[in-house]
Amino acid sequence: FIFTEKRLILIDKQGITGHKAQYHTIPYKSISHFSVETAGTFDMDAELKIYISGNMTPFQREFKKGADIKGVQKMLAHFILK
């Protein structure tokens, strides 16, 4: 995740070597809402879903246990509610 003043950039490294990457650039004004699911006792991964206006399918990212999902949520809220 890269937070800029005007947009969120998502980078998804793919493949075994990680050389292939997919980039999404999302203007904050296009984000209608987002949801966060924190890690639990049996489900060790946290999850973030970002919903874009006019798109029914959210951008979805999983975070390993110990990742700062609350920090990502805080930054996202800061830029969306600006």
C-alpha atoms as a PDB file:
ATOM      1  CA  PHE A   1       0.000   0.000   0.000  1.00  0.00           C
ATOM      2  CA  ILE A   2       1.266   3.427  -0.933  1.00  0.00           C
ATOM      3  CA  PHE A   3      -0.709   6.415   0.363  1.00  0.00           C
ATOM      4  CA  THR A   4      -0.271   9.611  -1.637  1.00  0.00           C
ATOM      5  CA  GLU A   5      -2.101  12.912  -1.217  1.00  0.00           C
ATOM      6  CA  LYS A   6      -4.663  12.065  -3.924  1.00  0.00           C
ATOM      7  CA  ARG A   7      -4.746   8.293  -4.344  1.00  0.00           C
ATOM      8  CA  LEU A   8      -4.048   4.857  -2.961  1.00  0.00           C
ATOM      9  CA  ILE A   9      -1.650   2.647  -4.901  1.00  0.00           C
ATOM     10  CA  LEU A  10      -1.926  -1.107  -4.380  1.00  0.00           C
ATOM     11  CA  ILE A  11       0.959  -3.307  -5.512  1.00  0.00           C
ATOM     12  CA  ASP A  12       0.387  -7.049  -5.815  1.00  0.00           C
ATOM     13  CA  LYS A  13       3.573  -9.034  -6.436  1.00  0.00           C
ATOM     14  CA  GLN A  14       2.882 -12.291  -8.220  1.00  0.00           C
ATOM     15  CA  GLY A  15       4.688 -15.463  -9.132  1.00  0.00           C
ATOM     16  CA  ILE A  16       7.385 -17.416  -7.378  1.00  0.00           C
ATOM     17  CA  THR A  17      10.117 -14.836  -7.964  1.00  0.00           C
ATOM     18  CA  GLY A  18       7.938 -11.794  -7.299  1.00  0.00           C
ATOM     19  CA  HIS A  19       9.171 -10.095 -10.473  1.00  0.00           C
ATOM     20  CA  LYS A  20       5.676  -9.875 -11.915  1.00  0.00           C
ATOM     21  CA  ALA A  21       3.547  -7.193 -10.276  1.00  0.00           C
ATOM     22  CA  GLN A  22       0.069  -5.776 -10.678  1.00  0.00           C
ATOM     23  CA  TYR A  23      -0.544  -2.114  -9.829  1.00  0.00           C
ATOM     24  CA  HIS A  24      -3.885  -0.521  -8.956  1.00  0.00           C
ATOM     25  CA  THR A  25      -4.219   3.216  -8.492  1.00  0.00           C
ATOM     26  CA  ILE A  26      -7.408   4.323  -6.778  1.00  0.00           C
ATOM     27  CA  PRO A  27      -8.374   7.981  -6.260  1.00  0.00           C
ATOM     28  CA  TYR A  28      -9.655   8.463  -2.697  1.00  0.00           C
ATOM     29  CA  LYS A  29     -12.794  10.159  -4.035  1.00  0.00           C
ATOM     30  CA  SER A  30     -13.711   6.873  -5.784  1.00  0.00           C
ATOM     31  CA  ILE A  31     -13.673   4.815  -2.578  1.00  0.00           C
ATOM     32  CA  SER A  32     -17.250   4.497  -1.337  1.00  0.00           C
ATOM     33  CA  HIS A  33     -16.400   2.477   1.788  1.00  0.00           C
ATOM     34  CA  PHE A  34     -14.040  -0.126   3.203  1.00  0.00           C
ATOM     35  CA  SER A  35     -14.167  -2.922   5.758  1.00  0.00           C
ATOM     36  CA  VAL A  36     -11.566  -4.489   8.017  1.00  0.00           C
ATOM     37  CA  GLU A  37     -11.683  -7.951   9.541  1.00  0.00           C
ATOM     38  CA  THR A  38      -9.076  -8.426  12.239  1.00  0.00           C
ATOM     39  CA  ALA A  39      -7.288 -11.703  12.952  1.00  0.00           C
ATOM     40  CA  GLY A  40      -8.938 -14.033  15.423  1.00  0.00           C
ATOM     41  CA  THR A  41      -8.065 -17.108  17.437  1.00  0.00           C
ATOM     42  CA  PHE A  42      -8.616 -19.628  14.655  1.00  0.00           C
ATOM     43  CA  ASP A  43      -8.425 -17.348  11.617  1.00  0.00           C
ATOM     44  CA  MET A  44      -4.910 -15.930  11.843  1.00  0.00           C
ATOM     45  CA  ASP A  45      -5.149 -13.544   8.866  1.00  0.00           C
ATOM     46  CA  ALA A  46      -6.711 -10.078   8.824  1.00  0.00           C
ATOM     47  CA  GLU A  47      -8.538  -8.822   5.748  1.00  0.00           C
ATOM     48  CA  LEU A  48      -9.180  -5.436   4.159  1.00  0.00           C
ATOM     49  CA  LYS A  49     -11.858  -4.827   1.510  1.00  0.00           C
ATOM     50  CA  ILE A  50     -12.024  -1.558  -0.436  1.00  0.00           C
ATOM     51  CA  TYR A  51     -15.209  -0.788  -2.356  1.00  0.00           C
ATOM     52  CA  ILE A  52     -15.023   1.487  -5.393  1.00  0.00           C
ATOM     53  CA  SER A  53     -18.026   3.492  -6.629  1.00  0.00           C
ATOM     54  CA  GLY A  54     -19.757   1.665  -9.479  1.00  0.00           C
ATOM     55  CA  ASN A  55     -17.961  -1.639  -8.817  1.00  0.00           C
ATOM     56  CA  MET A  56     -19.686  -4.442  -6.898  1.00  0.00           C
ATOM     57  CA  THR A  57     -16.486  -6.445  -6.354  1.00  0.00           C
ATOM     58  CA  PRO A  58     -14.107  -4.996  -3.742  1.00  0.00           C
ATOM     59  CA  PHE A  59     -10.328  -4.924  -3.837  1.00  0.00           C
ATOM     60  CA  GLN A  60      -9.402  -7.475  -1.204  1.00  0.00           C
ATOM     61  CA  ARG A  61      -6.100  -7.935   0.610  1.00  0.00           C
ATOM     62  CA  GLU A  62      -5.115 -10.379   3.356  1.00  0.00           C
ATOM     63  CA  PHE A  63      -2.613  -9.494   6.062  1.00  0.00           C
ATOM     64  CA  LYS A  64      -0.578 -12.006   8.016  1.00  0.00           C
ATOM     65  CA  LYS A  65      -0.881 -12.108  11.787  1.00  0.00           C
ATOM     66  CA  GLY A  66       1.112  -9.284  13.330  1.00  0.00           C
ATOM     67  CA  ALA A  67       0.602  -6.877  10.416  1.00  0.00           C
ATOM     68  CA  ASP A  68      -0.592  -3.392  11.391  1.00  0.00           C
ATOM     69  CA  ILE A  69      -4.084  -3.616   9.870  1.00  0.00           C
ATOM     70  CA  LYS A  70      -5.335  -0.933  12.259  1.00  0.00           C
ATOM     71  CA  GLY A  71      -2.632   1.444  11.029  1.00  0.00           C
ATOM     72  CA  VAL A  72      -3.680   0.835   7.413  1.00  0.00           C
ATOM     73  CA  GLN A  73      -7.314   1.428   8.391  1.00  0.00           C
ATOM     74  CA  LYS A  74      -6.372   4.661  10.157  1.00  0.00           C
ATOM     75  CA  MET A  75      -4.422   5.990   7.153  1.00  0.00           C
ATOM     76  CA  LEU A  76      -7.208   5.031   4.747  1.00  0.00           C
ATOM     77  CA  ALA A  77      -9.838   6.764   6.890  1.00  0.00           C
ATOM     78  CA  HIS A  78      -7.609   9.844   7.192  1.00  0.00           C
ATOM     79  CA  PHE A  79      -7.319  10.280   3.414  1.00  0.00           C
ATOM     80  CA  ILE A  80     -10.917   9.331   2.551  1.00  0.00           C
ATOM     81  CA  LEU A  81     -12.488  11.622   5.157  1.00  0.00           C
ATOM     82  CA  LYS A  82     -10.181  14.546   4.353  1.00  0.00           C
END
